[in-house]
């Protein structure tokens, strides 16, 4: 029997997939998400990335001269 990990599941409609194929598709997605995260978080598939404080960009303040 063919190994499901090597099967192309992209052409099968979701409603026609077997439970085994759905589990494999979910596993592949979780692995992909884990690889797309930062390296420190990549080992924890499905974990939330650390929240980094963002500084808002203000175009008005960019053109102002700074007082010395």
PDB file of N, CA and C in Angstrom:
ATOM      1  N   UNK A   1       0.831  -1.181   0.000  1.00  0.00           N
ATOM      2  CA  UNK A   1       0.000   0.000   0.000  1.00  0.00           C
ATOM      3  C   UNK A   1       0.883   1.256   0.000  1.00  0.00           C
ATOM      4  N   UNK A   2       0.417   2.277  -0.661  1.00  0.00           N
ATOM      5  CA  UNK A   2       1.151   3.535  -0.787  1.00  0.00           C
ATOM      6  C   UNK A   2       1.178   4.287   0.547  1.00  0.00           C
ATOM      7  N   UNK A   3       2.316   4.882   0.856  1.00  0.00           N
ATOM      8  CA  UNK A   3       2.454   5.672   2.081  1.00  0.00           C
ATOM      9  C   UNK A   3       1.723   7.000   1.884  1.00  0.00           C
ATOM     10  N   UNK A   4       0.820   7.323   2.789  1.00  0.00           N
ATOM     11  CA  UNK A   4       0.001   8.533   2.660  1.00  0.00           C
ATOM     12  C   UNK A   4       0.837   9.806   2.779  1.00  0.00           C
ATOM     13  N   UNK A   5       1.992   9.741   3.452  1.00  0.00           N
ATOM     14  CA  UNK A   5       2.831  10.924   3.599  1.00  0.00           C
ATOM     15  C   UNK A   5       3.380  11.412   2.268  1.00  0.00           C
ATOM     16  N   UNK A   6       3.413  10.556   1.259  1.00  0.00           N
ATOM     17  CA  UNK A   6       3.950  10.932  -0.047  1.00  0.00           C
ATOM     18  C   UNK A   6       2.855  11.121  -1.094  1.00  0.00           C
ATOM     19  N   UNK A   7       1.630  10.997  -0.705  1.00  0.00           N
ATOM     20  CA  UNK A   7       0.508  11.110  -1.640  1.00  0.00           C
ATOM     21  C   UNK A   7       0.175  12.580  -1.885  1.00  0.00           C
ATOM     22  N   UNK A   8      -0.180  12.915  -3.127  1.00  0.00           N
ATOM     23  CA  UNK A   8      -0.603  14.270  -3.479  1.00  0.00           C
ATOM     24  C   UNK A   8      -2.071  14.415  -3.095  1.00  0.00           C
ATOM     25  N   UNK A   9      -2.337  15.233  -2.082  1.00  0.00           N
ATOM     26  CA  UNK A   9      -3.707  15.424  -1.603  1.00  0.00           C
ATOM     27  C   UNK A   9      -4.322  16.717  -2.125  1.00  0.00           C
ATOM     28  N   UNK A  10      -3.595  17.440  -2.954  1.00  0.00           N
ATOM     29  CA  UNK A  10      -4.060  18.750  -3.408  1.00  0.00           C
ATOM     30  C   UNK A  10      -5.237  18.679  -4.383  1.00  0.00           C
ATOM     31  N   UNK A  11      -5.396  17.578  -5.074  1.00  0.00           N
ATOM     32  CA  UNK A  11      -6.455  17.482  -6.078  1.00  0.00           C
ATOM     33  C   UNK A  11      -7.734  16.832  -5.553  1.00  0.00           C
ATOM     34  N   UNK A  12      -7.735  16.392  -4.305  1.00  0.00           N
ATOM     35  CA  UNK A  12      -8.896  15.715  -3.732  1.00  0.00           C
ATOM     36  C   UNK A  12      -9.758  16.738  -2.995  1.00  0.00           C
ATOM     37  N   UNK A  13     -11.040  16.852  -3.349  1.00  0.00           N
ATOM     38  CA  UNK A  13     -11.921  17.758  -2.600  1.00  0.00           C
ATOM     39  C   UNK A  13     -12.024  17.302  -1.138  1.00  0.00           C
ATOM     40  N   UNK A  14     -12.130  18.256  -0.234  1.00  0.00           N
ATOM     41  CA  UNK A  14     -12.126  17.929   1.192  1.00  0.00           C
ATOM     42  C   UNK A  14     -13.271  16.998   1.579  1.00  0.00           C
ATOM     43  N   UNK A  15     -14.435  17.172   0.985  1.00  0.00           N
ATOM     44  CA  UNK A  15     -15.574  16.319   1.348  1.00  0.00           C
ATOM     45  C   UNK A  15     -15.413  14.879   0.846  1.00  0.00           C
ATOM     46  N   UNK A  16     -14.452  14.640  -0.031  1.00  0.00           N
ATOM     47  CA  UNK A  16     -14.201  13.279  -0.532  1.00  0.00           C
ATOM     48  C   UNK A  16     -13.003  12.621   0.158  1.00  0.00           C
ATOM     49  N   UNK A  17     -12.351  13.331   1.075  1.00  0.00           N
ATOM     50  CA  UNK A  17     -11.184  12.776   1.763  1.00  0.00           C
ATOM     51  C   UNK A  17     -11.592  11.808   2.853  1.00  0.00           C
ATOM     52  N   UNK A  18     -10.758  10.795   3.044  1.00  0.00           N
ATOM     53  CA  UNK A  18     -10.971   9.859   4.145  1.00  0.00           C
ATOM     54  C   UNK A  18     -10.466  10.520   5.430  1.00  0.00           C
ATOM     55  N   UNK A  19     -10.865  10.027   6.590  1.00  0.00           N
ATOM     56  CA  UNK A  19     -10.353  10.584   7.853  1.00  0.00           C
ATOM     57  C   UNK A  19      -8.826  10.538   7.933  1.00  0.00           C
ATOM     58  N   UNK A  20      -8.225   9.494   7.396  1.00  0.00           N
ATOM     59  CA  UNK A  20      -6.768   9.377   7.395  1.00  0.00           C
ATOM     60  C   UNK A  20      -6.133  10.490   6.553  1.00  0.00           C
ATOM     61  N   UNK A  21      -6.730  10.785   5.398  1.00  0.00           N
ATOM     62  CA  UNK A  21      -6.203  11.847   4.537  1.00  0.00           C
ATOM     63  C   UNK A  21      -6.356  13.217   5.197  1.00  0.00           C
ATOM     64  N   UNK A  22      -7.460  13.430   5.893  1.00  0.00           N
ATOM     65  CA  UNK A  22      -7.662  14.702   6.602  1.00  0.00           C
ATOM     66  C   UNK A  22      -6.627  14.880   7.714  1.00  0.00           C
ATOM     67  N   UNK A  23      -6.345  13.824   8.458  1.00  0.00           N
ATOM     68  CA  UNK A  23      -5.332  13.896   9.513  1.00  0.00           C
ATOM     69  C   UNK A  23      -3.969  14.228   8.928  1.00  0.00           C
ATOM     70  N   UNK A  24      -3.633  13.611   7.784  1.00  0.00           N
ATOM     71  CA  UNK A  24      -2.350  13.867   7.141  1.00  0.00           C
ATOM     72  C   UNK A  24      -2.268  15.316   6.647  1.00  0.00           C
ATOM     73  N   UNK A  25      -3.354  15.823   6.089  1.00  0.00           N
ATOM     74  CA  UNK A  25      -3.377  17.203   5.622  1.00  0.00           C
ATOM     75  C   UNK A  25      -3.202  18.171   6.796  1.00  0.00           C
ATOM     76  N   UNK A  26      -3.841  17.879   7.915  1.00  0.00           N
ATOM     77  CA  UNK A  26      -3.700  18.710   9.108  1.00  0.00           C
ATOM     78  C   UNK A  26      -2.268  18.655   9.632  1.00  0.00           C
ATOM     79  N   UNK A  27      -1.660  17.479   9.631  1.00  0.00           N
ATOM     80  CA  UNK A  27      -0.277  17.332  10.082  1.00  0.00           C
ATOM     81  C   UNK A  27       0.663  18.160   9.213  1.00  0.00           C
ATOM     82  N   UNK A  28       0.463  18.110   7.891  1.00  0.00           N
ATOM     83  CA  UNK A  28       1.302  18.881   6.975  1.00  0.00           C
ATOM     84  C   UNK A  28       1.150  20.379   7.225  1.00  0.00           C
ATOM     85  N   UNK A  29      -0.087  20.819   7.454  1.00  0.00           N
ATOM     86  CA  UNK A  29      -0.331  22.233   7.711  1.00  0.00           C
ATOM     87  C   UNK A  29       0.364  22.675   8.994  1.00  0.00           C
ATOM     88  N   UNK A  30       0.242  21.894  10.063  1.00  0.00           N
ATOM     89  CA  UNK A  30       0.881  22.245  11.332  1.00  0.00           C
ATOM     90  C   UNK A  30       2.403  22.266  11.198  1.00  0.00           C
ATOM     91  N   UNK A  31       2.946  21.353  10.410  1.00  0.00           N
ATOM     92  CA  UNK A  31       4.384  21.345  10.179  1.00  0.00           C
ATOM     93  C   UNK A  31       4.803  22.598   9.412  1.00  0.00           C
ATOM     94  N   UNK A  32       4.022  22.987   8.413  1.00  0.00           N
ATOM     95  CA  UNK A  32       4.304  24.186   7.630  1.00  0.00           C
ATOM     96  C   UNK A  32       4.264  25.434   8.510  1.00  0.00           C
ATOM     97  N   UNK A  33       3.236  25.542   9.339  1.00  0.00           N
ATOM     98  CA  UNK A  33       3.118  26.694  10.238  1.00  0.00           C
ATOM     99  C   UNK A  33       4.321  26.756  11.167  1.00  0.00           C
ATOM    100  N   UNK A  34       4.739  25.633  11.667  1.00  0.00           N
ATOM    101  CA  UNK A  34       5.897  25.597  12.544  1.00  0.00           C
ATOM    102  C   UNK A  34       7.166  26.052  11.856  1.00  0.00           C
ATOM    103  N   UNK A  35       7.318  25.720  10.588  1.00  0.00           N
ATOM    104  CA  UNK A  35       8.511  26.116   9.853  1.00  0.00           C
ATOM    105  C   UNK A  35       8.499  27.587   9.481  1.00  0.00           C
ATOM    106  N   UNK A  36       7.330  28.182   9.376  1.00  0.00           N
ATOM    107  CA  UNK A  36       7.221  29.587   9.005  1.00  0.00           C
ATOM    108  C   UNK A  36       7.443  30.519  10.184  1.00  0.00           C
ATOM    109  N   UNK A  37       7.384  30.012  11.372  1.00  0.00           N
ATOM    110  CA  UNK A  37       7.609  30.847  12.558  1.00  0.00           C
ATOM    111  C   UNK A  37       9.100  31.073  12.756  1.00  0.00           C
ATOM    112  N   UNK A  38       9.416  31.951  13.675  1.00  0.00           N
ATOM    113  CA  UNK A  38      10.821  32.224  13.978  1.00  0.00           C
ATOM    114  C   UNK A  38      11.493  30.947  14.465  1.00  0.00           C
ATOM    115  N   UNK A  39      12.805  30.831  14.249  1.00  0.00           N
ATOM    116  CA  UNK A  39      13.521  29.610  14.637  1.00  0.00           C
ATOM    117  C   UNK A  39      13.356  29.227  16.103  1.00  0.00           C
ATOM    118  N   UNK A  40      13.261  30.203  16.992  1.00  0.00           N
ATOM    119  CA  UNK A  40      13.125  29.874  18.413  1.00  0.00           C
ATOM    120  C   UNK A  40      11.780  29.226  18.722  1.00  0.00           C
ATOM    121  N   UNK A  41      10.799  29.440  17.857  1.00  0.00           N
ATOM    122  CA  UNK A  41       9.462  28.911  18.091  1.00  0.00           C
ATOM    123  C   UNK A  41       9.173  27.740  17.149  1.00  0.00           C
ATOM    124  N   UNK A  42      10.015  27.535  16.154  1.00  0.00           N
ATOM    125  CA  UNK A  42       9.743  26.538  15.123  1.00  0.00           C
ATOM    126  C   UNK A  42       9.608  25.123  15.672  1.00  0.00           C
ATOM    127  N   UNK A  43      10.261  24.837  16.783  1.00  0.00           N
ATOM    128  CA  UNK A  43      10.181  23.494  17.347  1.00  0.00           C
ATOM    129  C   UNK A  43       8.847  23.226  18.032  1.00  0.00           C
ATOM    130  N   UNK A  44       8.122  24.271  18.342  1.00  0.00           N
ATOM    131  CA  UNK A  44       6.825  24.124  19.009  1.00  0.00           C
ATOM    132  C   UNK A  44       5.712  24.353  17.994  1.00  0.00           C
ATOM    133  N   UNK A  45       5.389  23.367  17.221  1.00  0.00           N
ATOM    134  CA  UNK A  45       4.371  23.509  16.181  1.00  0.00           C
ATOM    135  C   UNK A  45       3.041  23.847  16.838  1.00  0.00           C
ATOM    136  N   UNK A  46       2.427  24.910  16.332  1.00  0.00           N
ATOM    137  CA  UNK A  46       1.136  25.335  16.841  1.00  0.00           C
ATOM    138  C   UNK A  46       1.219  26.341  17.974  1.00  0.00           C
ATOM    139  N   UNK A  47       2.423  26.663  18.447  1.00  0.00           N
ATOM    140  CA  UNK A  47       2.566  27.639  19.537  1.00  0.00           C
ATOM    141  C   UNK A  47       2.465  29.052  18.971  1.00  0.00           C
ATOM    142  N   UNK A  48       1.964  29.969  19.783  1.00  0.00           N
ATOM    143  CA  UNK A  48       1.840  31.350  19.337  1.00  0.00           C
ATOM    144  C   UNK A  48       3.219  31.997  19.329  1.00  0.00           C
ATOM    145  N   UNK A  49       3.494  32.836  18.326  1.00  0.00           N
ATOM    146  CA  UNK A  49       4.773  33.539  18.320  1.00  0.00           C
ATOM    147  C   UNK A  49       4.787  34.595  19.421  1.00  0.00           C
ATOM    148  N   UNK A  50       5.971  34.943  19.884  1.00  0.00           N
ATOM    149  CA  UNK A  50       6.050  35.950  20.938  1.00  0.00           C
ATOM    150  C   UNK A  50       5.564  37.282  20.378  1.00  0.00           C
ATOM    151  N   UNK A  51       4.874  38.028  21.214  1.00  0.00           N
ATOM    152  CA  UNK A  51       4.348  39.300  20.764  1.00  0.00           C
ATOM    153  C   UNK A  51       5.412  40.373  20.933  1.00  0.00           C
ATOM    154  N   UNK A  52       5.727  41.030  19.849  1.00  0.00           N
ATOM    155  CA  UNK A  52       6.740  42.061  19.840  1.00  0.00           C
ATOM    156  C   UNK A  52       6.029  43.408  19.810  1.00  0.00           C
ATOM    157  N   UNK A  53       6.478  44.338  20.644  1.00  0.00           N
ATOM    158  CA  UNK A  53       5.850  45.651  20.686  1.00  0.00           C
ATOM    159  C   UNK A  53       6.185  46.397  19.399  1.00  0.00           C
ATOM    160  N   UNK A  54       5.159  46.888  18.733  1.00  0.00           N
ATOM    161  CA  UNK A  54       5.334  47.603  17.489  1.00  0.00           C
ATOM    162  C   UNK A  54       5.318  49.099  17.734  1.00  0.00           C
ATOM    163  N   UNK A  55       6.150  49.815  16.994  1.00  0.00           N
ATOM    164  CA  UNK A  55       6.153  51.256  17.066  1.00  0.00           C
ATOM    165  C   UNK A  55       5.408  51.771  15.846  1.00  0.00           C
ATOM    166  N   UNK A  56       4.372  52.562  16.085  1.00  0.00           N
ATOM    167  CA  UNK A  56       3.577  53.078  14.979  1.00  0.00           C
ATOM    168  C   UNK A  56       4.402  54.050  14.149  1.00  0.00           C
ATOM    169  N   UNK A  57       4.201  53.986  12.851  1.00  0.00           N
ATOM    170  CA  UNK A  57       4.909  54.863  11.939  1.00  0.00           C
ATOM    171  C   UNK A  57       4.098  56.135  11.788  1.00  0.00           C
ATOM    172  N   UNK A  58       4.728  57.281  12.028  1.00  0.00           N
ATOM    173  CA  UNK A  58       4.062  58.572  11.945  1.00  0.00           C
ATOM    174  C   UNK A  58       4.794  59.418  10.917  1.00  0.00           C
ATOM    175  N   UNK A  59       4.238  59.588   9.712  1.00  0.00           N
ATOM    176  CA  UNK A  59       4.940  60.349   8.677  1.00  0.00           C
ATOM    177  C   UNK A  59       5.142  61.819   9.062  1.00  0.00           C
ATOM    178  N   UNK A  60       4.272  62.404   9.896  1.00  0.00           N
ATOM    179  CA  UNK A  60       4.420  63.806  10.288  1.00  0.00           C
ATOM    180  C   UNK A  60       5.668  63.999  11.132  1.00  0.00           C
ATOM    181  N   UNK A  61       5.950  63.069  12.011  1.00  0.00           N
ATOM    182  CA  UNK A  61       7.120  63.216  12.870  1.00  0.00           C
ATOM    183  C   UNK A  61       8.415  62.875  12.135  1.00  0.00           C
ATOM    184  N   UNK A  62       8.335  62.202  11.042  1.00  0.00           N
ATOM    185  CA  UNK A  62       9.535  61.823  10.292  1.00  0.00           C
ATOM    186  C   UNK A  62      10.209  63.042   9.671  1.00  0.00           C
ATOM    187  N   UNK A  63       9.430  64.078   9.283  1.00  0.00           N
ATOM    188  CA  UNK A  63       9.975  65.242   8.617  1.00  0.00           C
ATOM    189  C   UNK A  63      10.412  66.335   9.584  1.00  0.00           C
ATOM    190  N   UNK A  64      10.029  66.236  10.839  1.00  0.00           N
ATOM    191  CA  UNK A  64      10.375  67.261  11.824  1.00  0.00           C
ATOM    192  C   UNK A  64      11.841  67.205  12.192  1.00  0.00           C
ATOM    193  N   UNK A  65      12.411  68.383  12.419  1.00  0.00           N
ATOM    194  CA  UNK A  65      13.791  68.443  12.886  1.00  0.00           C
ATOM    195  C   UNK A  65      13.800  68.210  14.374  1.00  0.00           C
ATOM    196  N   UNK A  66      14.765  67.499  14.833  1.00  0.00           N
ATOM    197  CA  UNK A  66      14.891  67.240  16.257  1.00  0.00           C
ATOM    198  C   UNK A  66      15.637  68.396  16.908  1.00  0.00           C
ATOM    199  N   UNK A  67      15.152  68.849  18.062  1.00  0.00           N
ATOM    200  CA  UNK A  67      15.839  69.931  18.770  1.00  0.00           C
ATOM    201  C   UNK A  67      17.031  69.358  19.528  1.00  0.00           C
ATOM    202  N   UNK A  68      18.114  70.128  19.571  1.00  0.00           N
ATOM    203  CA  UNK A  68      19.321  69.640  20.229  1.00  0.00           C
ATOM    204  C   UNK A  68      19.570  70.331  21.504  1.00  0.00           C
TER     205      UNK A  68
END
